[in-house]
Protein backbone atom coordinates (compact mmCIF):
# COMPACT_ATOMS: atom_id res chain seq x y z
CA MET A 1 -5.89 -69.85 9.12
CA ALA A 2 -3.55 -67.00 8.18
CA HIS A 3 -4.70 -64.26 5.79
CA ARG A 4 -2.21 -65.42 3.15
CA ASP A 5 -3.60 -68.97 3.34
CA ILE A 6 -7.21 -67.80 2.99
CA THR A 7 -6.27 -65.56 0.05
CA ARG A 8 -4.49 -68.48 -1.66
CA LYS A 9 -7.56 -70.69 -1.11
CA VAL A 10 -9.81 -68.07 -2.72
CA PHE A 11 -7.37 -67.51 -5.60
CA ASP A 12 -7.13 -71.24 -6.30
CA ALA A 13 -10.93 -71.56 -6.34
CA LEU A 14 -11.43 -68.56 -8.63
CA LYS A 15 -8.86 -69.85 -11.13
CA GLY A 16 -11.44 -72.55 -11.84
CA CYS A 17 -13.48 -69.99 -13.79
CA GLY A 18 -10.92 -70.17 -16.61
CA MET A 19 -10.23 -66.44 -16.74
CA PRO A 20 -7.19 -64.50 -15.51
CA CYS A 21 -7.56 -63.57 -11.82
CA ALA A 22 -5.74 -61.04 -9.66
CA HIS A 23 -5.84 -60.19 -5.98
CA ARG A 24 -6.66 -56.46 -5.68
CA THR A 25 -4.74 -55.24 -8.74
CA TRP A 26 -2.74 -56.20 -11.79
CA ASP A 27 0.07 -53.75 -10.89
CA PRO A 28 2.80 -53.45 -11.90
CA SER A 29 1.63 -55.15 -15.12
CA PRO A 30 -1.28 -53.85 -17.18
CA PRO A 31 -4.47 -55.93 -17.02
CA PRO A 32 -4.92 -58.69 -19.59
CA PRO A 33 -7.54 -58.48 -22.33
CA LEU A 34 -11.15 -58.81 -21.17
CA PRO A 35 -12.64 -60.84 -19.58
CA TYR A 36 -10.83 -61.06 -16.26
CA VAL A 37 -11.51 -61.19 -12.51
CA VAL A 38 -10.15 -59.03 -9.67
CA PHE A 39 -10.92 -60.18 -6.14
CA PHE A 40 -10.48 -58.64 -2.70
CA ARG A 41 -11.67 -59.03 0.86
CA VAL A 42 -14.63 -56.81 1.64
CA ASP A 43 -14.93 -57.37 5.39
CA ARG A 44 -15.11 -60.01 8.10
CA SER A 45 -18.06 -61.28 10.06
CA ASP A 46 -16.36 -63.48 12.64
CA PHE A 47 -17.99 -65.65 15.26
CA MET A 48 -17.03 -63.98 18.53
CA ALA A 49 -17.67 -64.76 22.17
CA ASP A 50 -15.90 -64.17 25.48
CA ASP A 51 -13.72 -61.44 23.92
CA THR A 52 -12.30 -63.91 21.39
CA ASN A 53 -12.62 -64.39 17.63
CA TYR A 54 -13.36 -68.10 17.51
CA PHE A 55 -14.09 -68.46 13.82
CA ILE A 56 -12.83 -66.11 11.12
CA ARG A 57 -15.36 -65.51 8.32
CA PRO A 58 -13.96 -63.21 5.64
CA ARG A 59 -16.36 -61.85 3.04
CA TRP A 60 -14.94 -61.50 -0.48
CA CYS A 61 -15.85 -59.77 -3.71
CA ALA A 62 -14.85 -61.12 -7.12
CA GLU A 63 -15.36 -58.47 -9.79
CA LEU A 64 -15.81 -59.74 -13.32
CA TYR A 65 -14.88 -57.37 -16.13
CA THR A 66 -16.18 -58.20 -19.62
CA ASP A 67 -16.82 -56.36 -22.86
CA GLY A 68 -20.51 -57.35 -22.56
CA PRO A 69 -22.79 -59.13 -22.07
CA GLY A 70 -20.61 -61.71 -20.27
CA ASP A 71 -23.32 -64.19 -19.35
CA ASP A 72 -21.11 -67.23 -19.99
CA GLU A 73 -18.24 -65.66 -18.05
CA LEU A 74 -20.52 -64.86 -15.11
CA ASP A 75 -21.84 -68.43 -15.13
CA ALA A 76 -18.23 -69.69 -15.02
CA LEU A 77 -17.31 -67.37 -12.14
CA GLU A 78 -20.40 -68.33 -10.14
CA ALA A 79 -19.67 -72.02 -10.80
CA ALA A 80 -16.12 -71.61 -9.48
CA VAL A 81 -17.40 -69.99 -6.27
CA SER A 82 -20.17 -72.56 -5.88
CA GLY A 83 -17.74 -75.40 -6.66
CA ALA A 84 -15.64 -74.30 -3.69
CA GLY A 85 -18.71 -74.82 -1.51
CA TRP A 86 -19.41 -71.13 -0.93
CA THR A 87 -22.79 -69.45 -1.30
CA PHE A 88 -22.84 -66.14 -3.14
CA GLU A 89 -24.78 -63.06 -4.21
CA THR A 90 -24.28 -61.30 -7.54
CA THR A 91 -24.85 -57.74 -8.72
CA GLU A 92 -24.22 -56.24 -12.15
CA ALA A 93 -23.27 -52.74 -13.25
CA GLY A 94 -22.66 -51.18 -16.63
CA GLY A 95 -23.63 -52.63 -19.95
CA ASP A 96 -26.05 -49.80 -20.66
CA ASP A 97 -25.24 -49.88 -24.38
CA ILE A 98 -24.69 -52.90 -26.59
CA GLY A 99 -21.02 -53.80 -26.48
CA SER A 100 -20.24 -51.57 -23.50
CA PRO A 101 -18.20 -53.01 -20.61
CA VAL A 102 -20.08 -54.96 -17.99
CA THR A 103 -18.99 -55.46 -14.43
CA ALA A 104 -20.49 -58.11 -12.21
CA ALA A 105 -19.63 -58.42 -8.54
CA VAL A 106 -19.93 -61.80 -6.86
CA TYR A 107 -19.91 -61.60 -3.05
CA PHE A 108 -19.17 -64.72 -1.00
CA THR A 109 -17.89 -65.92 2.35
CA ALA A 110 -14.90 -68.24 2.12
CA LEU A 111 -14.98 -70.79 4.91
């Protein structure tokens, strides 16, 4: 599957979270109001043998930006990833003060 096709598959799945989504950046437009999701490929962990990449396994990160706490939004993002049949891990950063921005990163492998 071509990179563009895999990216489209991930984008289509993430749209299911009900928030605006962008691949890598919102440029040239400014980002929409919070909450929103920005996703990008982190790396690949392909199945390789005999000097050939037999099965491409890209690893993705979907970053959720909210104005805190964002629990419902994170549930929706995780449900979109899970609904596509992908397992995931989640980390959170920020939100040290009430009402401060929260970022959650959901890592998954799109197969």
